[in-house]
Amino acid sequence: MLAIFDYKAGNQTSVHRALEHLGIPNQITNDPDTLNKAKGIIFPGVGAAGQAMDELHSAGLDEVIKSLIWQNKPVLGICVGCQILLDYSEENDTRALKIIPGECRLFNPSWTDYEGVPIRVPHMGWNQVELKQECELFAGIDPDADFYFVHSYYPAPSPEFIIGTTRYGIDFCSVHGRRGLWAVQFHPEKSGRPGLKLLKNFHAYCQEAADAE
């Protein structure tokens, strides 16, 4: 069973529906015991970083998720769940979870696209991910596949944690982390077949990790 981490930060239901479509057992929960027993955790989120961290702090869930990560529980962060794994976000001047070194920065609307046109903020639409290192999440996914993005801030982790980048004004980090702790800026649950394949790959990794214990 995969746990969808519930900390009142949105998009849990859409992730649940995507996993149900794939036939992957899952539960939306913030119960520490249930999270601990899960084979892996999806850490979603939409909205503002400050609000997300406030919700985590007020419920004591920040220490719960950090403890599970330090225990090497497989985790997949999505959107805001990707951003607040870092040290800091410019959004709301937010001190984040400090799991992955780095910060989250605001897109500069003076940056331009390939045709020299200023980019729009927020970034909304379909874009590709260029992998900078091998990653199990992308096994069997066409390198030209598009994923759905909607965000005004982008993760900027330490270089060794950058797994994939996407071009929008600049080449920004769109996938970061390490093996077993992955974070994606896009929404796999809204990205059609490539996104569903990524979720399926995450579940397969969690299953293999559990079987190896």
N, C-alpha and C. Protein backbone atom coordinates (compact mmCIF):
# COMPACT_ATOMS: atom_id res chain seq x y z
N MET A 1 0.83 -1.20 0.00
CA MET A 1 0.00 0.00 0.00
C MET A 1 0.87 1.26 0.00
N LEU A 2 0.50 2.23 -0.84
CA LEU A 2 1.15 3.53 -0.82
C LEU A 2 0.31 4.49 0.02
N ALA A 3 0.97 5.31 0.81
CA ALA A 3 0.29 6.33 1.59
C ALA A 3 0.40 7.66 0.87
N ILE A 4 -0.71 8.36 0.74
CA ILE A 4 -0.73 9.73 0.22
C ILE A 4 -0.79 10.65 1.41
N PHE A 5 0.28 11.39 1.64
CA PHE A 5 0.44 12.18 2.85
C PHE A 5 -0.55 13.34 2.87
N ASP A 6 -1.41 13.34 3.88
CA ASP A 6 -2.48 14.33 3.99
C ASP A 6 -2.08 15.40 5.00
N TYR A 7 -1.77 16.60 4.51
CA TYR A 7 -1.47 17.72 5.42
C TYR A 7 -2.21 18.98 4.96
N LYS A 8 -3.41 18.77 4.44
CA LYS A 8 -4.32 19.85 4.04
C LYS A 8 -3.72 20.75 2.97
N ALA A 9 -2.91 20.18 2.08
CA ALA A 9 -2.24 20.98 1.05
C ALA A 9 -2.71 20.66 -0.36
N GLY A 10 -3.87 20.02 -0.48
CA GLY A 10 -4.46 19.83 -1.80
C GLY A 10 -3.90 18.70 -2.63
N ASN A 11 -4.56 18.40 -3.69
CA ASN A 11 -4.32 17.41 -4.75
C ASN A 11 -4.13 15.97 -4.29
N GLN A 12 -4.47 15.65 -3.04
CA GLN A 12 -4.44 14.25 -2.61
C GLN A 12 -5.45 13.42 -3.40
N THR A 13 -6.63 13.98 -3.65
CA THR A 13 -7.68 13.22 -4.32
C THR A 13 -7.29 12.86 -5.75
N SER A 14 -6.65 13.79 -6.46
CA SER A 14 -6.25 13.50 -7.84
C SER A 14 -5.16 12.44 -7.88
N VAL A 15 -4.27 12.45 -6.90
CA VAL A 15 -3.25 11.39 -6.82
C VAL A 15 -3.91 10.06 -6.50
N HIS A 16 -4.86 10.07 -5.57
CA HIS A 16 -5.60 8.85 -5.22
C HIS A 16 -6.29 8.26 -6.45
N ARG A 17 -6.94 9.10 -7.25
CA ARG A 17 -7.64 8.61 -8.43
C ARG A 17 -6.67 8.01 -9.45
N ALA A 18 -5.51 8.63 -9.61
CA ALA A 18 -4.51 8.09 -10.54
C ALA A 18 -4.03 6.71 -10.09
N LEU A 19 -3.78 6.56 -8.80
CA LEU A 19 -3.33 5.26 -8.28
C LEU A 19 -4.44 4.23 -8.38
N GLU A 20 -5.67 4.64 -8.13
CA GLU A 20 -6.80 3.72 -8.28
C GLU A 20 -6.91 3.24 -9.73
N HIS A 21 -6.70 4.14 -10.68
CA HIS A 21 -6.73 3.80 -12.09
C HIS A 21 -5.69 2.73 -12.42
N LEU A 22 -4.54 2.82 -11.74
CA LEU A 22 -3.46 1.86 -11.96
C LEU A 22 -3.63 0.57 -11.17
N GLY A 23 -4.64 0.53 -10.30
CA GLY A 23 -4.85 -0.64 -9.47
C GLY A 23 -3.86 -0.76 -8.33
N ILE A 24 -3.30 0.38 -7.91
CA ILE A 24 -2.31 0.39 -6.84
C ILE A 24 -3.02 0.71 -5.52
N PRO A 25 -2.96 -0.19 -4.54
CA PRO A 25 -3.59 0.09 -3.24
C PRO A 25 -3.00 1.35 -2.62
N ASN A 26 -3.86 2.21 -2.09
CA ASN A 26 -3.37 3.47 -1.52
C ASN A 26 -4.35 3.99 -0.49
N GLN A 27 -3.87 4.90 0.33
CA GLN A 27 -4.70 5.50 1.36
C GLN A 27 -4.24 6.93 1.62
N ILE A 28 -5.18 7.86 1.68
CA ILE A 28 -4.88 9.24 2.07
C ILE A 28 -4.86 9.28 3.59
N THR A 29 -3.74 9.68 4.18
CA THR A 29 -3.61 9.58 5.64
C THR A 29 -2.55 10.53 6.18
N ASN A 30 -2.71 10.90 7.44
CA ASN A 30 -1.63 11.58 8.16
C ASN A 30 -1.32 10.85 9.46
N ASP A 31 -1.83 9.63 9.59
CA ASP A 31 -1.59 8.82 10.78
C ASP A 31 -0.16 8.27 10.75
N PRO A 32 0.66 8.59 11.75
CA PRO A 32 2.07 8.15 11.72
C PRO A 32 2.25 6.64 11.59
N ASP A 33 1.40 5.88 12.27
CA ASP A 33 1.53 4.42 12.20
C ASP A 33 1.22 3.90 10.80
N THR A 34 0.19 4.45 10.18
CA THR A 34 -0.17 4.05 8.82
C THR A 34 0.93 4.46 7.83
N LEU A 35 1.46 5.66 7.99
CA LEU A 35 2.56 6.11 7.14
C LEU A 35 3.78 5.20 7.28
N ASN A 36 4.06 4.79 8.51
CA ASN A 36 5.22 3.94 8.76
C ASN A 36 5.05 2.56 8.13
N LYS A 37 3.81 2.05 8.14
CA LYS A 37 3.56 0.71 7.60
C LYS A 37 3.46 0.70 6.08
N ALA A 38 3.24 1.85 5.47
CA ALA A 38 3.13 1.92 4.01
C ALA A 38 4.45 1.56 3.34
N LYS A 39 4.36 1.02 2.14
CA LYS A 39 5.58 0.67 1.40
C LYS A 39 6.27 1.90 0.85
N GLY A 40 5.51 2.97 0.67
CA GLY A 40 6.07 4.23 0.18
C GLY A 40 5.08 5.35 0.42
N ILE A 41 5.57 6.58 0.33
CA ILE A 41 4.74 7.74 0.62
C ILE A 41 4.80 8.71 -0.56
N ILE A 42 3.64 9.15 -0.99
CA ILE A 42 3.58 10.24 -1.96
C ILE A 42 3.26 11.52 -1.19
N PHE A 43 4.11 12.52 -1.38
CA PHE A 43 4.07 13.78 -0.63
C PHE A 43 3.63 14.88 -1.58
N PRO A 44 2.30 15.06 -1.76
CA PRO A 44 1.80 16.01 -2.76
C PRO A 44 1.72 17.42 -2.19
N GLY A 45 1.09 18.31 -2.94
CA GLY A 45 0.88 19.66 -2.45
C GLY A 45 0.63 20.65 -3.57
N VAL A 46 -0.30 21.54 -3.36
CA VAL A 46 -0.53 22.67 -4.25
C VAL A 46 -0.71 23.91 -3.38
N GLY A 47 -0.58 25.08 -3.99
CA GLY A 47 -0.75 26.30 -3.22
C GLY A 47 0.58 26.90 -2.81
N ALA A 48 0.62 27.52 -1.63
CA ALA A 48 1.78 28.29 -1.19
C ALA A 48 2.64 27.49 -0.21
N ALA A 49 3.96 27.70 -0.32
CA ALA A 49 4.90 27.00 0.54
C ALA A 49 4.69 27.35 2.01
N GLY A 50 4.45 28.64 2.29
CA GLY A 50 4.27 29.06 3.67
C GLY A 50 3.09 28.39 4.33
N GLN A 51 1.97 28.32 3.60
CA GLN A 51 0.78 27.68 4.15
C GLN A 51 1.02 26.19 4.36
N ALA A 52 1.71 25.55 3.42
CA ALA A 52 2.00 24.12 3.56
C ALA A 52 2.84 23.85 4.80
N MET A 53 3.87 24.66 5.02
CA MET A 53 4.72 24.47 6.18
C MET A 53 3.96 24.77 7.47
N ASP A 54 3.08 25.76 7.46
CA ASP A 54 2.27 26.05 8.64
C ASP A 54 1.41 24.85 9.02
N GLU A 55 0.84 24.21 8.00
CA GLU A 55 0.00 23.04 8.26
C GLU A 55 0.84 21.91 8.85
N LEU A 56 2.02 21.70 8.30
CA LEU A 56 2.89 20.64 8.81
C LEU A 56 3.30 20.92 10.25
N HIS A 57 3.73 22.16 10.53
CA HIS A 57 4.18 22.51 11.87
C HIS A 57 3.04 22.38 12.89
N SER A 58 1.88 22.91 12.55
CA SER A 58 0.78 22.95 13.52
C SER A 58 0.32 21.56 13.92
N ALA A 59 0.45 20.60 13.02
CA ALA A 59 0.03 19.22 13.31
C ALA A 59 1.19 18.33 13.75
N GLY A 60 2.40 18.88 13.79
CA GLY A 60 3.57 18.08 14.14
C GLY A 60 3.98 17.10 13.06
N LEU A 61 3.44 17.30 11.85
CA LEU A 61 3.71 16.35 10.77
C LEU A 61 5.04 16.59 10.10
N ASP A 62 5.66 17.75 10.32
CA ASP A 62 6.98 17.99 9.75
C ASP A 62 7.99 17.00 10.31
N GLU A 63 7.93 16.75 11.62
CA GLU A 63 8.85 15.79 12.22
C GLU A 63 8.53 14.36 11.81
N VAL A 64 7.25 14.08 11.57
CA VAL A 64 6.85 12.74 11.13
C VAL A 64 7.46 12.42 9.77
N ILE A 65 7.29 13.33 8.80
CA ILE A 65 7.80 13.05 7.45
C ILE A 65 9.32 13.04 7.44
N LYS A 66 9.96 13.90 8.22
CA LYS A 66 11.42 13.89 8.27
C LYS A 66 11.94 12.58 8.86
N SER A 67 11.30 12.11 9.89
CA SER A 67 11.73 10.85 10.52
C SER A 67 11.62 9.68 9.55
N LEU A 68 10.52 9.64 8.80
CA LEU A 68 10.34 8.55 7.83
C LEU A 68 11.37 8.61 6.72
N ILE A 69 11.71 9.82 6.27
CA ILE A 69 12.73 9.97 5.23
C ILE A 69 14.09 9.51 5.75
N TRP A 70 14.42 9.89 6.98
CA TRP A 70 15.72 9.48 7.55
C TRP A 70 15.78 7.97 7.73
N GLN A 71 14.61 7.34 7.84
CA GLN A 71 14.56 5.87 7.94
C GLN A 71 14.56 5.21 6.56
N ASN A 72 14.74 6.02 5.52
CA ASN A 72 14.80 5.54 4.13
C ASN A 72 13.48 4.99 3.61
N LYS A 73 12.38 5.49 4.15
CA LYS A 73 11.08 5.17 3.57
C LYS A 73 11.01 5.82 2.18
N PRO A 74 10.67 5.08 1.12
CA PRO A 74 10.58 5.69 -0.21
C PRO A 74 9.54 6.81 -0.23
N VAL A 75 9.94 7.95 -0.79
CA VAL A 75 9.07 9.12 -0.84
C VAL A 75 9.13 9.75 -2.22
N LEU A 76 7.96 10.17 -2.71
CA LEU A 76 7.87 10.92 -3.95
C LEU A 76 7.17 12.24 -3.66
N GLY A 77 7.90 13.37 -3.75
CA GLY A 77 7.32 14.68 -3.58
C GLY A 77 6.79 15.22 -4.89
N ILE A 78 5.65 15.90 -4.85
CA ILE A 78 5.02 16.45 -6.05
C ILE A 78 4.71 17.93 -5.82
N CYS A 79 5.15 18.79 -6.73
CA CYS A 79 4.86 20.23 -6.74
C CYS A 79 5.29 20.88 -5.42
N VAL A 80 4.37 21.38 -4.60
CA VAL A 80 4.78 21.98 -3.33
C VAL A 80 5.48 20.95 -2.45
N GLY A 81 5.07 19.70 -2.54
CA GLY A 81 5.75 18.63 -1.82
C GLY A 81 7.17 18.43 -2.30
N CYS A 82 7.45 18.82 -3.52
CA CYS A 82 8.81 18.83 -4.07
C CYS A 82 9.59 20.02 -3.51
N GLN A 83 8.95 21.19 -3.49
CA GLN A 83 9.63 22.43 -3.12
C GLN A 83 10.03 22.48 -1.65
N ILE A 84 9.14 22.03 -0.77
CA ILE A 84 9.42 22.20 0.66
C ILE A 84 10.32 21.11 1.23
N LEU A 85 10.79 20.19 0.39
CA LEU A 85 11.87 19.30 0.82
C LEU A 85 13.20 20.05 0.91
N LEU A 86 13.26 21.21 0.30
CA LEU A 86 14.49 22.01 0.30
C LEU A 86 14.63 22.80 1.60
N ASP A 87 15.71 23.59 1.70
CA ASP A 87 15.96 24.37 2.91
C ASP A 87 15.03 25.56 3.06
N TYR A 88 14.72 26.20 1.92
CA TYR A 88 14.08 27.50 1.97
C TYR A 88 13.31 27.77 0.68
N SER A 89 12.20 28.52 0.79
CA SER A 89 11.47 28.98 -0.39
C SER A 89 11.30 30.49 -0.31
N GLU A 90 11.53 31.15 -1.44
CA GLU A 90 11.28 32.59 -1.51
C GLU A 90 9.80 32.90 -1.33
N GLU A 91 8.95 31.94 -1.65
CA GLU A 91 7.51 32.14 -1.48
C GLU A 91 7.18 32.25 0.00
N ASN A 92 6.65 33.36 0.42
CA ASN A 92 6.30 33.62 1.82
C ASN A 92 7.51 33.62 2.75
N ASP A 93 8.73 33.73 2.16
CA ASP A 93 9.96 33.73 2.98
C ASP A 93 9.93 32.54 3.94
N THR A 94 9.84 31.34 3.38
CA THR A 94 9.53 30.13 4.14
C THR A 94 10.75 29.27 4.43
N ARG A 95 10.96 28.98 5.70
CA ARG A 95 11.94 27.97 6.10
C ARG A 95 11.27 26.61 5.91
N ALA A 96 11.88 25.78 5.08
CA ALA A 96 11.24 24.52 4.70
C ALA A 96 11.82 23.34 5.51
N LEU A 97 11.72 22.12 4.97
CA LEU A 97 12.04 20.92 5.74
C LEU A 97 13.53 20.62 5.86
N LYS A 98 14.34 21.17 4.98
CA LYS A 98 15.80 21.00 5.03
C LYS A 98 16.21 19.53 4.89
N ILE A 99 15.55 18.84 3.96
CA ILE A 99 15.92 17.46 3.64
C ILE A 99 16.96 17.44 2.52
N ILE A 100 16.71 18.23 1.49
CA ILE A 100 17.61 18.37 0.36
C ILE A 100 18.17 19.79 0.38
N PRO A 101 19.50 19.96 0.34
CA PRO A 101 20.05 21.32 0.36
C PRO A 101 19.68 22.11 -0.89
N GLY A 102 19.23 23.34 -0.68
CA GLY A 102 18.85 24.19 -1.80
C GLY A 102 17.68 25.07 -1.44
N GLU A 103 17.19 25.80 -2.43
CA GLU A 103 16.08 26.72 -2.19
C GLU A 103 15.14 26.75 -3.38
N CYS A 104 13.98 27.35 -3.16
CA CYS A 104 12.98 27.50 -4.21
C CYS A 104 12.89 28.97 -4.59
N ARG A 105 12.95 29.27 -5.90
CA ARG A 105 13.05 30.63 -6.37
C ARG A 105 11.89 31.00 -7.30
N LEU A 106 11.60 32.28 -7.37
CA LEU A 106 10.54 32.79 -8.23
C LEU A 106 11.04 32.95 -9.66
N PHE A 107 10.23 32.50 -10.63
CA PHE A 107 10.55 32.76 -12.03
C PHE A 107 10.61 34.28 -12.28
N ASN A 108 11.54 34.68 -13.11
CA ASN A 108 11.69 36.09 -13.47
C ASN A 108 10.94 36.34 -14.78
N PRO A 109 9.88 37.18 -14.76
CA PRO A 109 9.09 37.39 -15.98
C PRO A 109 9.86 38.10 -17.10
N SER A 110 11.07 38.57 -16.82
CA SER A 110 11.88 39.18 -17.88
C SER A 110 12.62 38.14 -18.70
N TRP A 111 12.66 36.88 -18.20
CA TRP A 111 13.27 35.81 -18.98
C TRP A 111 12.43 35.53 -20.22
N THR A 112 13.04 35.02 -21.26
CA THR A 112 12.33 34.82 -22.52
C THR A 112 12.35 33.36 -22.95
N ASP A 113 11.40 33.02 -23.84
CA ASP A 113 11.35 31.68 -24.38
C ASP A 113 12.26 31.57 -25.60
N TYR A 114 12.16 30.46 -26.31
CA TYR A 114 13.03 30.22 -27.46
C TYR A 114 12.87 31.27 -28.55
N GLU A 115 11.71 31.90 -28.60
CA GLU A 115 11.44 32.89 -29.64
C GLU A 115 11.68 34.32 -29.15
N GLY A 116 12.23 34.45 -27.94
CA GLY A 116 12.53 35.76 -27.41
C GLY A 116 11.35 36.47 -26.77
N VAL A 117 10.26 35.75 -26.56
CA VAL A 117 9.06 36.32 -25.94
C VAL A 117 9.16 36.14 -24.43
N PRO A 118 8.88 37.19 -23.63
CA PRO A 118 8.93 37.05 -22.17
C PRO A 118 8.02 35.93 -21.68
N ILE A 119 8.51 35.16 -20.74
CA ILE A 119 7.72 34.06 -20.20
C ILE A 119 6.58 34.59 -19.32
N ARG A 120 5.55 33.77 -19.20
CA ARG A 120 4.45 34.10 -18.30
C ARG A 120 4.66 33.41 -16.96
N VAL A 121 4.32 34.12 -15.90
CA VAL A 121 4.39 33.56 -14.56
C VAL A 121 2.98 33.63 -13.96
N PRO A 122 2.39 32.51 -13.55
CA PRO A 122 3.02 31.21 -13.38
C PRO A 122 3.27 30.46 -14.69
N HIS A 123 4.16 29.50 -14.60
CA HIS A 123 4.42 28.56 -15.69
C HIS A 123 3.29 27.53 -15.68
N MET A 124 2.50 27.50 -16.74
CA MET A 124 1.40 26.55 -16.86
C MET A 124 1.45 25.89 -18.23
N GLY A 125 1.49 24.57 -18.24
CA GLY A 125 1.47 23.87 -19.52
C GLY A 125 2.34 22.64 -19.52
N TRP A 126 2.58 22.15 -20.74
CA TRP A 126 3.25 20.87 -20.93
C TRP A 126 4.69 21.09 -21.38
N ASN A 127 5.62 20.42 -20.70
CA ASN A 127 7.04 20.56 -21.02
C ASN A 127 7.75 19.23 -20.81
N GLN A 128 8.90 19.12 -21.46
CA GLN A 128 9.70 17.91 -21.35
C GLN A 128 10.68 18.00 -20.19
N VAL A 129 11.16 16.84 -19.79
CA VAL A 129 12.19 16.73 -18.75
C VAL A 129 13.43 16.11 -19.37
N GLU A 130 14.56 16.79 -19.23
CA GLU A 130 15.84 16.25 -19.71
C GLU A 130 16.59 15.67 -18.51
N LEU A 131 16.76 14.36 -18.52
CA LEU A 131 17.44 13.71 -17.40
C LEU A 131 18.93 14.02 -17.40
N LYS A 132 19.46 14.32 -16.22
CA LYS A 132 20.88 14.58 -16.03
C LYS A 132 21.58 13.38 -15.41
N GLN A 133 20.80 12.46 -14.88
CA GLN A 133 21.33 11.21 -14.35
C GLN A 133 20.22 10.16 -14.42
N GLU A 134 20.61 8.90 -14.41
CA GLU A 134 19.62 7.83 -14.51
C GLU A 134 18.68 7.85 -13.32
N CYS A 135 17.43 7.49 -13.57
CA CYS A 135 16.42 7.52 -12.52
C CYS A 135 15.36 6.47 -12.81
N GLU A 136 15.12 5.59 -11.81
CA GLU A 136 14.14 4.53 -11.99
C GLU A 136 12.74 5.05 -12.31
N LEU A 137 12.43 6.23 -11.85
CA LEU A 137 11.10 6.78 -12.10
C LEU A 137 10.78 6.90 -13.59
N PHE A 138 11.81 7.10 -14.41
CA PHE A 138 11.60 7.37 -15.82
C PHE A 138 11.84 6.14 -16.71
N ALA A 139 11.98 4.96 -16.09
CA ALA A 139 12.17 3.73 -16.86
C ALA A 139 10.97 3.50 -17.77
N GLY A 140 11.23 3.29 -19.05
CA GLY A 140 10.16 3.01 -20.00
C GLY A 140 9.38 4.22 -20.46
N ILE A 141 9.81 5.42 -20.08
CA ILE A 141 9.13 6.65 -20.50
C ILE A 141 9.91 7.29 -21.64
N ASP A 142 9.23 7.64 -22.71
CA ASP A 142 9.85 8.28 -23.86
C ASP A 142 10.55 9.57 -23.42
N PRO A 143 11.84 9.74 -23.80
CA PRO A 143 12.55 10.97 -23.43
C PRO A 143 11.87 12.24 -23.93
N ASP A 144 11.03 12.12 -24.96
CA ASP A 144 10.33 13.29 -25.50
C ASP A 144 8.95 13.49 -24.86
N ALA A 145 8.64 12.70 -23.85
CA ALA A 145 7.32 12.81 -23.22
C ALA A 145 7.15 14.17 -22.55
N ASP A 146 5.92 14.67 -22.56
CA ASP A 146 5.59 15.93 -21.90
C ASP A 146 4.89 15.66 -20.57
N PHE A 147 5.15 16.56 -19.61
CA PHE A 147 4.51 16.49 -18.30
C PHE A 147 3.85 17.83 -18.01
N TYR A 148 2.82 17.80 -17.15
CA TYR A 148 2.04 19.00 -16.89
C TYR A 148 2.59 19.78 -15.69
N PHE A 149 2.87 21.07 -15.93
CA PHE A 149 3.41 21.95 -14.91
C PHE A 149 2.43 23.07 -14.60
N VAL A 150 2.38 23.49 -13.34
CA VAL A 150 1.69 24.72 -12.96
C VAL A 150 2.35 25.24 -11.68
N HIS A 151 3.18 26.28 -11.82
CA HIS A 151 3.94 26.79 -10.67
C HIS A 151 4.57 28.13 -11.01
N SER A 152 4.80 28.94 -9.97
CA SER A 152 5.47 30.22 -10.11
C SER A 152 6.89 30.18 -9.57
N TYR A 153 7.17 29.19 -8.74
CA TYR A 153 8.49 29.02 -8.12
C TYR A 153 9.10 27.70 -8.58
N TYR A 154 10.42 27.65 -8.64
CA TYR A 154 11.09 26.44 -9.12
C TYR A 154 12.18 26.02 -8.14
N PRO A 155 12.42 24.71 -7.99
CA PRO A 155 13.45 24.24 -7.07
C PRO A 155 14.85 24.47 -7.63
N ALA A 156 15.75 24.84 -6.75
CA ALA A 156 17.16 25.03 -7.11
C ALA A 156 18.02 24.33 -6.05
N PRO A 157 18.09 23.00 -6.12
CA PRO A 157 18.87 22.25 -5.13
C PRO A 157 20.36 22.29 -5.44
N SER A 158 21.15 21.79 -4.51
CA SER A 158 22.58 21.62 -4.79
C SER A 158 22.74 20.75 -6.03
N PRO A 159 23.74 21.05 -6.88
CA PRO A 159 23.85 20.39 -8.18
C PRO A 159 23.84 18.87 -8.14
N GLU A 160 24.41 18.28 -7.09
CA GLU A 160 24.49 16.82 -7.05
C GLU A 160 23.12 16.17 -6.88
N PHE A 161 22.11 16.94 -6.52
CA PHE A 161 20.77 16.39 -6.33
C PHE A 161 19.86 16.64 -7.54
N ILE A 162 20.38 17.30 -8.57
CA ILE A 162 19.57 17.56 -9.76
C ILE A 162 19.50 16.30 -10.61
N ILE A 163 18.29 15.81 -10.82
CA ILE A 163 18.08 14.60 -11.63
C ILE A 163 17.60 14.96 -13.04
N GLY A 164 16.75 15.96 -13.15
CA GLY A 164 16.24 16.37 -14.46
C GLY A 164 15.97 17.86 -14.50
N THR A 165 16.02 18.42 -15.71
CA THR A 165 15.76 19.85 -15.89
C THR A 165 14.72 20.07 -16.98
N THR A 166 14.12 21.24 -16.94
CA THR A 166 13.12 21.65 -17.91
C THR A 166 13.41 23.08 -18.32
N ARG A 167 13.16 23.40 -19.60
CA ARG A 167 13.42 24.74 -20.10
C ARG A 167 12.17 25.61 -20.00
N TYR A 168 12.28 26.69 -19.24
CA TYR A 168 11.23 27.71 -19.21
C TYR A 168 11.89 29.02 -18.80
N GLY A 169 12.33 29.79 -19.78
CA GLY A 169 13.13 30.98 -19.53
C GLY A 169 14.56 30.63 -19.23
N ILE A 170 14.75 29.67 -18.31
CA ILE A 170 16.06 29.09 -18.01
C ILE A 170 15.88 27.57 -17.95
N ASP A 171 16.99 26.87 -17.85
CA ASP A 171 16.93 25.44 -17.58
C ASP A 171 16.84 25.28 -16.06
N PHE A 172 15.64 25.02 -15.56
CA PHE A 172 15.47 24.88 -14.12
C PHE A 172 15.34 23.41 -13.73
N CYS A 173 15.63 23.12 -12.48
CA CYS A 173 15.52 21.76 -11.98
C CYS A 173 14.05 21.38 -11.84
N SER A 174 13.66 20.32 -12.51
CA SER A 174 12.28 19.85 -12.41
C SER A 174 12.16 18.49 -11.73
N VAL A 175 13.29 17.83 -11.49
CA VAL A 175 13.33 16.58 -10.73
C VAL A 175 14.58 16.61 -9.87
N HIS A 176 14.42 16.38 -8.58
CA HIS A 176 15.61 16.35 -7.73
C HIS A 176 15.49 15.26 -6.67
N GLY A 177 16.58 15.01 -5.97
CA GLY A 177 16.58 14.03 -4.89
C GLY A 177 17.70 13.03 -5.01
N ARG A 178 17.43 11.85 -4.54
CA ARG A 178 18.36 10.73 -4.56
C ARG A 178 17.54 9.46 -4.70
N ARG A 179 18.20 8.32 -4.84
CA ARG A 179 17.48 7.06 -5.02
C ARG A 179 16.59 6.79 -3.80
N GLY A 180 15.30 6.63 -4.06
CA GLY A 180 14.35 6.39 -2.99
C GLY A 180 13.72 7.63 -2.40
N LEU A 181 14.28 8.80 -2.72
CA LEU A 181 13.70 10.08 -2.31
C LEU A 181 13.70 10.98 -3.53
N TRP A 182 12.57 11.00 -4.23
CA TRP A 182 12.47 11.75 -5.47
C TRP A 182 11.46 12.88 -5.31
N ALA A 183 11.68 13.95 -6.04
CA ALA A 183 10.75 15.07 -6.01
C ALA A 183 10.61 15.62 -7.42
N VAL A 184 9.37 15.81 -7.86
CA VAL A 184 9.10 16.30 -9.21
C VAL A 184 8.27 17.57 -9.13
N GLN A 185 8.65 18.58 -9.92
CA GLN A 185 7.91 19.84 -9.91
C GLN A 185 6.59 19.73 -10.67
N PHE A 186 6.53 18.85 -11.66
CA PHE A 186 5.31 18.66 -12.44
C PHE A 186 4.32 17.76 -11.70
N HIS A 187 3.14 17.61 -12.27
CA HIS A 187 2.09 16.77 -11.69
C HIS A 187 1.96 15.48 -12.48
N PRO A 188 2.56 14.38 -12.02
CA PRO A 188 2.41 13.12 -12.76
C PRO A 188 0.96 12.65 -12.82
N GLU A 189 0.18 12.96 -11.78
CA GLU A 189 -1.21 12.51 -11.74
C GLU A 189 -2.08 13.23 -12.77
N LYS A 190 -1.53 14.30 -13.38
CA LYS A 190 -2.26 15.04 -14.41
C LYS A 190 -1.53 15.01 -15.76
N SER A 191 -0.57 14.10 -15.90
CA SER A 191 0.30 14.09 -17.07
C SER A 191 0.05 12.92 -18.01
N GLY A 192 -1.15 12.36 -17.98
CA GLY A 192 -1.47 11.30 -18.92
C GLY A 192 -0.62 10.06 -18.73
N ARG A 193 -0.39 9.35 -19.83
CA ARG A 193 0.32 8.07 -19.75
C ARG A 193 1.72 8.18 -19.18
N PRO A 194 2.53 9.19 -19.57
CA PRO A 194 3.87 9.29 -18.98
C PRO A 194 3.81 9.46 -17.46
N GLY A 195 2.87 10.27 -16.98
CA GLY A 195 2.75 10.48 -15.55
C GLY A 195 2.30 9.22 -14.82
N LEU A 196 1.36 8.50 -15.42
CA LEU A 196 0.91 7.24 -14.82
C LEU A 196 2.04 6.22 -14.78
N LYS A 197 2.84 6.19 -15.83
CA LYS A 197 3.99 5.28 -15.86
C LYS A 197 4.97 5.63 -14.75
N LEU A 198 5.20 6.92 -14.52
CA LEU A 198 6.10 7.34 -13.44
C LEU A 198 5.58 6.87 -12.09
N LEU A 199 4.28 7.03 -11.84
CA LEU A 199 3.70 6.56 -10.59
C LEU A 199 3.81 5.04 -10.46
N LYS A 200 3.61 4.36 -11.56
CA LYS A 200 3.75 2.90 -11.55
C LYS A 200 5.18 2.49 -11.25
N ASN A 201 6.14 3.23 -11.80
CA ASN A 201 7.56 2.94 -11.52
C ASN A 201 7.89 3.19 -10.05
N PHE A 202 7.31 4.24 -9.48
CA PHE A 202 7.54 4.50 -8.06
C PHE A 202 7.00 3.36 -7.21
N HIS A 203 5.80 2.90 -7.53
CA HIS A 203 5.22 1.78 -6.79
C HIS A 203 6.09 0.53 -6.92
N ALA A 204 6.60 0.28 -8.10
CA ALA A 204 7.45 -0.90 -8.30
C ALA A 204 8.71 -0.80 -7.45
N TYR A 205 9.30 0.38 -7.39
CA TYR A 205 10.49 0.57 -6.54
C TYR A 205 10.14 0.30 -5.07
N CYS A 206 9.00 0.85 -4.62
CA CYS A 206 8.58 0.65 -3.23
C CYS A 206 8.37 -0.84 -2.92
N GLN A 207 7.79 -1.55 -3.87
CA GLN A 207 7.55 -2.99 -3.68
C GLN A 207 8.88 -3.75 -3.58
N GLU A 208 9.82 -3.42 -4.45
CA GLU A 208 11.13 -4.08 -4.41
C GLU A 208 11.87 -3.76 -3.13
N ALA A 209 11.79 -2.51 -2.68
CA ALA A 209 12.46 -2.12 -1.44
C ALA A 209 11.87 -2.86 -0.24
N ALA A 210 10.53 -3.01 -0.23
CA ALA A 210 9.89 -3.72 0.86
C ALA A 210 10.25 -5.20 0.85
N ASP A 211 10.32 -5.79 -0.33
CA ASP A 211 10.66 -7.21 -0.44
C ASP A 211 12.10 -7.49 -0.03
N ALA A 212 12.97 -6.48 -0.16
CA ALA A 212 14.37 -6.64 0.17
C ALA A 212 14.66 -6.53 1.66
N GLU A 213 13.68 -6.05 2.42
CA GLU A 213 13.89 -5.89 3.87
C GLU A 213 13.92 -7.23 4.59
